[in-house]
PDB file of N, CA and C in Angstrom:
ATOM      1  N   MET A   1       0.889  -1.161   0.074  1.00  0.00           N
ATOM      2  CA  MET A   1      -0.088  -0.030   0.169  1.00  0.00           C
ATOM      3  C   MET A   1       0.765   1.156   0.087  1.00  0.00           C
ATOM      4  N   LYS A   2       0.539   2.095  -0.899  1.00  0.00           N
ATOM      5  CA  LYS A   2       1.271   3.532  -0.881  1.00  0.00           C
ATOM      6  C   LYS A   2       0.929   4.478   0.181  1.00  0.00           C
ATOM      7  N   LYS A   3       1.952   5.013   0.756  1.00  0.00           N
ATOM      8  CA  LYS A   3       1.951   5.933   1.838  1.00  0.00           C
ATOM      9  C   LYS A   3       1.529   7.198   1.400  1.00  0.00           C
ATOM     10  N   ILE A   4       0.707   7.935   2.106  1.00  0.00           N
ATOM     11  CA  ILE A   4       0.026   9.065   1.899  1.00  0.00           C
ATOM     12  C   ILE A   4       0.870  10.394   2.341  1.00  0.00           C
ATOM     13  N   GLU A   5       1.634  11.096   1.241  1.00  0.00           N
ATOM     14  CA  GLU A   5       2.490  12.259   1.702  1.00  0.00           C
ATOM     15  C   GLU A   5       1.602  13.320   2.530  1.00  0.00           C
ATOM     16  N   LYS A   6       2.524  13.666   3.418  1.00  0.00           N
ATOM     17  CA  LYS A   6       2.043  14.993   4.211  1.00  0.00           C
ATOM     18  C   LYS A   6       1.951  16.185   3.103  1.00  0.00           C
ATOM     19  N   GLY A   7       0.822  16.723   3.368  1.00  0.00           N
ATOM     20  CA  GLY A   7       0.464  18.051   2.590  1.00  0.00           C
ATOM     21  C   GLY A   7      -0.071  17.717   1.117  1.00  0.00           C
ATOM     22  N   SER A   8      -0.197  16.647   0.798  1.00  0.00           N
ATOM     23  CA  SER A   8      -0.817  16.180  -0.491  1.00  0.00           C
ATOM     24  C   SER A   8      -2.364  16.214  -0.251  1.00  0.00           C
ATOM     25  N   ILE A   9      -2.937  16.130  -1.729  1.00  0.00           N
ATOM     26  CA  ILE A   9      -4.497  16.424  -1.779  1.00  0.00           C
ATOM     27  C   ILE A   9      -5.001  15.158  -1.182  1.00  0.00           C
ATOM     28  N   LYS A  10      -4.348  14.003  -1.378  1.00  0.00           N
ATOM     29  CA  LYS A  10      -4.918  12.783  -0.863  1.00  0.00           C
ATOM     30  C   LYS A  10      -5.126  12.921   0.727  1.00  0.00           C
ATOM     31  N   GLN A  11      -4.014  13.545   1.438  1.00  0.00           N
ATOM     32  CA  GLN A  11      -4.122  13.492   2.683  1.00  0.00           C
ATOM     33  C   GLN A  11      -5.336  14.355   3.018  1.00  0.00           C
ATOM     34  N   LEU A  12      -5.510  15.696   2.368  1.00  0.00           N
ATOM     35  CA  LEU A  12      -6.634  16.349   2.633  1.00  0.00           C
ATOM     36  C   LEU A  12      -7.984  15.577   2.571  1.00  0.00           C
ATOM     37  N   VAL A  13      -8.224  15.014   1.327  1.00  0.00           N
ATOM     38  CA  VAL A  13      -9.343  14.052   1.497  1.00  0.00           C
ATOM     39  C   VAL A  13      -9.527  13.318   2.482  1.00  0.00           C
ATOM     40  N   PHE A  14      -8.473  12.436   2.923  1.00  0.00           N
ATOM     41  CA  PHE A  14      -8.644  11.280   3.957  1.00  0.00           C
ATOM     42  C   PHE A  14      -8.960  12.236   5.138  1.00  0.00           C
ATOM     43  N   GLN A  15      -8.238  13.176   5.533  1.00  0.00           N
ATOM     44  CA  GLN A  15      -8.558  13.825   6.973  1.00  0.00           C
ATOM     45  C   GLN A  15      -9.913  14.441   6.972  1.00  0.00           C
ATOM     46  N   VAL A  16     -10.552  15.046   5.646  1.00  0.00           N
ATOM     47  CA  VAL A  16     -11.973  15.329   5.938  1.00  0.00           C
ATOM     48  C   VAL A  16     -12.735  14.226   6.091  1.00  0.00           C
ATOM     49  N   LEU A  17     -12.697  13.351   5.169  1.00  0.00           N
ATOM     50  CA  LEU A  17     -13.683  12.087   5.209  1.00  0.00           C
ATOM     51  C   LEU A  17     -13.459  11.363   6.769  1.00  0.00           C
ATOM     52  N   THR A  18     -12.501  11.284   7.042  1.00  0.00           N
ATOM     53  CA  THR A  18     -12.256  10.583   8.461  1.00  0.00           C
ATOM     54  C   THR A  18     -12.796  11.258   9.614  1.00  0.00           C
ATOM     55  N   ILE A  19     -12.804  12.622   9.693  1.00  0.00           N
ATOM     56  CA  ILE A  19     -13.200  13.646  10.663  1.00  0.00           C
ATOM     57  C   ILE A  19     -14.692  13.669  10.424  1.00  0.00           C
ATOM     58  N   ALA A  20     -15.245  13.686   9.253  1.00  0.00           N
ATOM     59  CA  ALA A  20     -16.536  13.912   9.024  1.00  0.00           C
ATOM     60  C   ALA A  20     -17.302  12.588   9.556  1.00  0.00           C
ATOM     61  N   ILE A  21     -16.906  11.667   9.155  1.00  0.00           N
ATOM     62  CA  ILE A  21     -17.101   9.934   9.642  1.00  0.00           C
ATOM     63  C   ILE A  21     -17.372  10.087  11.150  1.00  0.00           C
ATOM     64  N   ALA A  22     -16.162  10.342  11.413  1.00  0.00           N
ATOM     65  CA  ALA A  22     -15.976  10.095  13.130  1.00  0.00           C
ATOM     66  C   ALA A  22     -17.155  11.070  13.751  1.00  0.00           C
ATOM     67  N   GLY A  23     -17.345  12.108  13.122  1.00  0.00           N
ATOM     68  CA  GLY A  23     -18.208  13.089  13.604  1.00  0.00           C
ATOM     69  C   GLY A  23     -19.716  12.689  13.595  1.00  0.00           C
ATOM     70  N   MET A  24     -20.169  12.100  12.446  1.00  0.00           N
ATOM     71  CA  MET A  24     -21.372  11.715  12.086  1.00  0.00           C
ATOM     72  C   MET A  24     -21.690  10.191  13.164  1.00  0.00           C
ATOM     73  N   VAL A  25     -20.513   9.697  13.617  1.00  0.00           N
ATOM     74  CA  VAL A  25     -20.732   8.621  14.647  1.00  0.00           C
ATOM     75  C   VAL A  25     -20.760   9.078  16.162  1.00  0.00           C
ATOM     76  N   LEU A  26     -19.921   9.919  16.451  1.00  0.00           N
ATOM     77  CA  LEU A  26     -19.583  10.342  17.658  1.00  0.00           C
ATOM     78  C   LEU A  26     -20.492  11.433  18.342  1.00  0.00           C
ATOM     79  N   TRP A  27     -21.050  12.342  17.493  1.00  0.00           N
ATOM     80  CA  TRP A  27     -21.868  13.445  17.570  1.00  0.00           C
ATOM     81  C   TRP A  27     -23.407  13.055  18.197  1.00  0.00           C
ATOM     82  N   PRO A  28     -23.812  12.135  17.632  1.00  0.00           N
ATOM     83  CA  PRO A  28     -25.151  11.815  18.008  1.00  0.00           C
ATOM     84  C   PRO A  28     -24.932  10.895  19.307  1.00  0.00           C
ATOM     85  N   LEU A  29     -23.913  10.069  19.412  1.00  0.00           N
ATOM     86  CA  LEU A  29     -23.892   9.446  20.837  1.00  0.00           C
ATOM     87  C   LEU A  29     -23.605  10.504  21.912  1.00  0.00           C
ATOM     88  N   PHE A  30     -22.664  11.331  21.690  1.00  0.00           N
ATOM     89  CA  PHE A  30     -22.450  12.463  22.845  1.00  0.00           C
ATOM     90  C   PHE A  30     -23.855  13.104  23.162  1.00  0.00           C
ATOM     91  N   ASP A  31     -24.659  13.395  22.205  1.00  0.00           N
ATOM     92  CA  ASP A  31     -25.720  14.238  22.315  1.00  0.00           C
ATOM     93  C   ASP A  31     -26.909  13.200  23.060  1.00  0.00           C
ATOM     94  N   LEU A  32     -26.907  11.868  22.505  1.00  0.00           N
ATOM     95  CA  LEU A  32     -27.837  11.013  23.442  1.00  0.00           C
ATOM     96  C   LEU A  32     -27.255  10.954  24.787  1.00  0.00           C
ATOM     97  N   ILE A  33     -26.128  10.868  25.083  1.00  0.00           N
ATOM     98  CA  ILE A  33     -25.776  10.898  26.533  1.00  0.00           C
ATOM     99  C   ILE A  33     -26.228  12.213  27.244  1.00  0.00           C
ATOM    100  N   VAL A  34     -25.954  13.318  26.730  1.00  0.00           N
ATOM    101  CA  VAL A  34     -26.343  14.597  27.408  1.00  0.00           C
ATOM    102  C   VAL A  34     -27.805  14.432  27.523  1.00  0.00           C
ATOM    103  N   CYS A  35     -28.643  14.095  26.520  1.00  0.00           N
ATOM    104  CA  CYS A  35     -30.093  14.286  26.765  1.00  0.00           C
ATOM    105  C   CYS A  35     -30.473  13.331  27.977  1.00  0.00           C
ATOM    106  N   LYS A  36     -29.815  12.146  27.880  1.00  0.00           N
ATOM    107  CA  LYS A  36     -30.367  10.979  28.832  1.00  0.00           C
ATOM    108  C   LYS A  36     -29.981  11.205  30.195  1.00  0.00           C
ATOM    109  N   VAL A  37     -28.726  11.724  30.349  1.00  0.00           N
ATOM    110  CA  VAL A  37     -28.022  11.759  31.739  1.00  0.00           C
ATOM    111  C   VAL A  37     -28.072  13.095  32.229  1.00  0.00           C
ATOM    112  N   PHE A  38     -27.791  14.165  31.567  1.00  0.00           N
ATOM    113  CA  PHE A  38     -27.802  15.407  32.141  1.00  0.00           C
ATOM    114  C   PHE A  38     -29.070  16.248  32.107  1.00  0.00           C
ATOM    115  N   THR A  39     -29.698  16.308  30.829  1.00  0.00           N
ATOM    116  CA  THR A  39     -30.773  17.104  30.677  1.00  0.00           C
ATOM    117  C   THR A  39     -32.104  16.446  30.857  1.00  0.00           C
ATOM    118  N   HIS A  40     -32.241  15.133  30.839  1.00  0.00           N
ATOM    119  CA  HIS A  40     -33.512  14.287  31.075  1.00  0.00           C
ATOM    120  C   HIS A  40     -34.386  14.809  29.796  1.00  0.00           C
ATOM    121  N   THR A  41     -34.024  14.823  28.700  1.00  0.00           N
ATOM    122  CA  THR A  41     -34.831  15.258  27.644  1.00  0.00           C
ATOM    123  C   THR A  41     -34.813  14.323  26.540  1.00  0.00           C
ATOM    124  N   GLU A  42     -35.860  14.069  25.767  1.00  0.00           N
ATOM    125  CA  GLU A  42     -35.932  13.082  24.786  1.00  0.00           C
ATOM    126  C   GLU A  42     -34.972  13.536  23.410  1.00  0.00           C
ATOM    127  N   PHE A  43     -34.205  12.220  23.298  1.00  0.00           N
ATOM    128  CA  PHE A  43     -33.246  12.396  21.991  1.00  0.00           C
ATOM    129  C   PHE A  43     -33.877  12.448  20.692  1.00  0.00           C
ATOM    130  N   VAL A  44     -33.638  13.484  19.900  1.00  0.00           N
ATOM    131  CA  VAL A  44     -34.287  13.441  18.638  1.00  0.00           C
ATOM    132  C   VAL A  44     -33.245  13.624  17.542  1.00  0.00           C
ATOM    133  N   TYR A  45     -33.120  12.657  16.585  1.00  0.00           N
ATOM    134  CA  TYR A  45     -32.117  12.555  15.719  1.00  0.00           C
ATOM    135  C   TYR A  45     -32.761  13.477  14.482  1.00  0.00           C
ATOM    136  N   SER A  46     -31.614  14.499  14.004  1.00  0.00           N
ATOM    137  CA  SER A  46     -32.070  15.248  13.047  1.00  0.00           C
ATOM    138  C   SER A  46     -30.927  15.244  11.907  1.00  0.00           C
ATOM    139  N   VAL A  47     -31.162  15.355  10.624  1.00  0.00           N
ATOM    140  CA  VAL A  47     -30.288  15.395   9.648  1.00  0.00           C
ATOM    141  C   VAL A  47     -29.571  16.519   9.724  1.00  0.00           C
ATOM    142  N   SER A  48     -29.960  17.735   9.822  1.00  0.00           N
ATOM    143  CA  SER A  48     -29.088  19.070   9.829  1.00  0.00           C
ATOM    144  C   SER A  48     -28.086  19.051  10.904  1.00  0.00           C
ATOM    145  N   GLU A  49     -28.748  18.552  12.131  1.00  0.00           N
ATOM    146  CA  GLU A  49     -27.700  18.394  13.398  1.00  0.00           C
ATOM    147  C   GLU A  49     -26.712  17.448  13.543  1.00  0.00           C
ATOM    148  N   HIS A  50     -27.092  16.080  13.105  1.00  0.00           N
ATOM    149  CA  HIS A  50     -26.369  14.881  13.257  1.00  0.00           C
ATOM    150  C   HIS A  50     -25.423  14.483  11.894  1.00  0.00           C
ATOM    151  N   ILE A  51     -25.679  15.062  10.753  1.00  0.00           N
ATOM    152  CA  ILE A  51     -25.140  14.765   9.706  1.00  0.00           C
ATOM    153  C   ILE A  51     -24.427  15.943   8.858  1.00  0.00           C
ATOM    154  N   THR A  52     -25.286  17.057   8.865  1.00  0.00           N
ATOM    155  CA  THR A  52     -24.755  18.236   8.173  1.00  0.00           C
ATOM    156  C   THR A  52     -23.511  18.691   8.783  1.00  0.00           C
ATOM    157  N   GLU A  53     -23.891  19.061  10.147  1.00  0.00           N
ATOM    158  CA  GLU A  53     -22.685  19.873  10.772  1.00  0.00           C
ATOM    159  C   GLU A  53     -21.516  18.925  10.953  1.00  0.00           C
ATOM    160  N   PRO A  54     -21.505  17.706  11.274  1.00  0.00           N
ATOM    161  CA  PRO A  54     -20.126  16.980  11.205  1.00  0.00           C
ATOM    162  C   PRO A  54     -19.658  17.117   9.999  1.00  0.00           C
ATOM    163  N   ILE A  55     -20.178  16.976   8.951  1.00  0.00           N
ATOM    164  CA  ILE A  55     -19.562  17.173   7.366  1.00  0.00           C
ATOM    165  C   ILE A  55     -18.914  18.516   7.537  1.00  0.00           C
ATOM    166  N   ILE A  56     -19.703  19.368   7.762  1.00  0.00           N
ATOM    167  CA  ILE A  56     -19.365  20.929   7.667  1.00  0.00           C
ATOM    168  C   ILE A  56     -17.949  21.038   8.488  1.00  0.00           C
ATOM    169  N   PHE A  57     -18.020  20.524   9.789  1.00  0.00           N
ATOM    170  CA  PHE A  57     -17.052  20.461  10.788  1.00  0.00           C
ATOM    171  C   PHE A  57     -15.681  19.863  10.347  1.00  0.00           C
ATOM    172  N   GLY A  58     -15.806  18.568   9.690  1.00  0.00           N
ATOM    173  CA  GLY A  58     -14.805  17.733   9.213  1.00  0.00           C
ATOM    174  C   GLY A  58     -14.268  18.599   7.996  1.00  0.00           C
ATOM    175  N   CYS A  59     -14.850  19.118   7.025  1.00  0.00           N
ATOM    176  CA  CYS A  59     -14.329  19.948   5.970  1.00  0.00           C
ATOM    177  C   CYS A  59     -13.358  20.974   6.618  1.00  0.00           C
ATOM    178  N   ILE A  60     -13.787  21.907   7.415  1.00  0.00           N
ATOM    179  CA  ILE A  60     -13.093  23.077   8.146  1.00  0.00           C
ATOM    180  C   ILE A  60     -11.989  22.416   8.924  1.00  0.00           C
ATOM    181  N   ILE A  61     -12.113  21.367   9.746  1.00  0.00           N
ATOM    182  CA  ILE A  61     -10.805  21.122  10.695  1.00  0.00           C
ATOM    183  C   ILE A  61      -9.838  20.372   9.893  1.00  0.00           C
ATOM    184  N   GLY A  62     -10.554  19.383   8.934  1.00  0.00           N
ATOM    185  CA  GLY A  62      -9.513  18.632   8.083  1.00  0.00           C
ATOM    186  C   GLY A  62      -8.591  19.531   7.199  1.00  0.00           C
ATOM    187  N   THR A  63      -9.506  20.824   6.723  1.00  0.00           N
ATOM    188  CA  THR A  63      -8.638  21.657   6.069  1.00  0.00           C
ATOM    189  C   THR A  63      -7.538  22.339   6.839  1.00  0.00           C
ATOM    190  N   VAL A  64      -7.731  22.676   8.045  1.00  0.00           N
ATOM    191  CA  VAL A  64      -6.829  23.555   9.010  1.00  0.00           C
ATOM    192  C   VAL A  64      -5.901  22.487   9.194  1.00  0.00           C
ATOM    193  N   PHE A  65      -5.915  21.310   9.684  1.00  0.00           N
ATOM    194  CA  PHE A  65      -4.935  20.381   9.905  1.00  0.00           C
ATOM    195  C   PHE A  65      -4.025  19.939   8.841  1.00  0.00           C
ATOM    196  N   TRP A  66      -4.830  19.960   7.460  1.00  0.00           N
ATOM    197  CA  TRP A  66      -4.064  19.606   6.347  1.00  0.00           C
ATOM    198  C   TRP A  66      -3.005  21.036   5.956  1.00  0.00           C
ATOM    199  N   ALA A  67      -3.382  22.030   6.267  1.00  0.00           N
ATOM    200  CA  ALA A  67      -2.649  23.392   5.958  1.00  0.00           C
ATOM    201  C   ALA A  67      -1.389  23.520   7.020  1.00  0.00           C
ATOM    202  N   LEU A  68      -1.790  23.096   8.336  1.00  0.00           N
ATOM    203  CA  LEU A  68      -0.773  23.018   9.391  1.00  0.00           C
ATOM    204  C   LEU A  68       0.391  22.067   8.886  1.00  0.00           C
ATOM    205  N   ASP A  69      -0.155  20.951   8.523  1.00  0.00           N
ATOM    206  CA  ASP A  69       0.909  19.985   8.165  1.00  0.00           C
ATOM    207  C   ASP A  69       1.801  20.435   6.810  1.00  0.00           C
ATOM    208  N   LYS A  70       1.153  21.030   5.819  1.00  0.00           N
ATOM    209  CA  LYS A  70       1.811  21.549   4.726  1.00  0.00           C
ATOM    210  C   LYS A  70       2.664  22.697   5.007  1.00  0.00           C
ATOM    211  N   LYS A  71       2.358  23.523   5.910  1.00  0.00           N
ATOM    212  CA  LYS A  71       3.319  24.621   6.530  1.00  0.00           C
ATOM    213  C   LYS A  71       4.565  24.209   7.250  1.00  0.00           C
ATOM    214  N   GLY A  72       4.170  23.090   7.850  1.00  0.00           N
ATOM    215  CA  GLY A  72       5.154  22.490   8.700  1.00  0.00           C
ATOM    216  C   GLY A  72       6.236  21.652   7.712  1.00  0.00           C
ATOM    217  N   LYS A  73       5.787  20.861   6.819  1.00  0.00           N
ATOM    218  CA  LYS A  73       6.748  20.279   6.124  1.00  0.00           C
ATOM    219  C   LYS A  73       7.567  21.386   5.125  1.00  0.00           C
ATOM    220  N   LYS A  74       7.295  22.688   4.811  1.00  0.00           N
ATOM    221  CA  LYS A  74       8.015  23.345   4.069  1.00  0.00           C
ATOM    222  C   LYS A  74       9.099  23.821   5.051  1.00  0.00           C
ATOM    223  N   LYS A  75       8.846  23.986   6.325  1.00  0.00           N
ATOM    224  CA  LYS A  75      10.242  24.447   7.303  1.00  0.00           C
ATOM    225  C   LYS A  75      11.286  23.415   7.498  1.00  0.00           C
TER     226      LYS A  75
END
C-alpha cells in the first residue's frame, strides 16, 4: 500500500472524510448521553444537526490540519 504524503491532496481528502465520518458517529452518541443523563430530555435525531454539521466541521478542521501539516513540511 502506498503511503500518503504529508501536504498532499490525498491527505486532505482522507482527513476530511475521516473527521466527518467520526463526527457523524460520535456526535449523536454524545448528544444522546447529554439528553439522557444530564438534561433528561428526549433524544431527537435530525439530519441537519447530526449529519450536516459533522460534515461541515470535518471539512473545516480537516483543511486546517492539512494546512498546518503542509506549512510544517516546508520548514
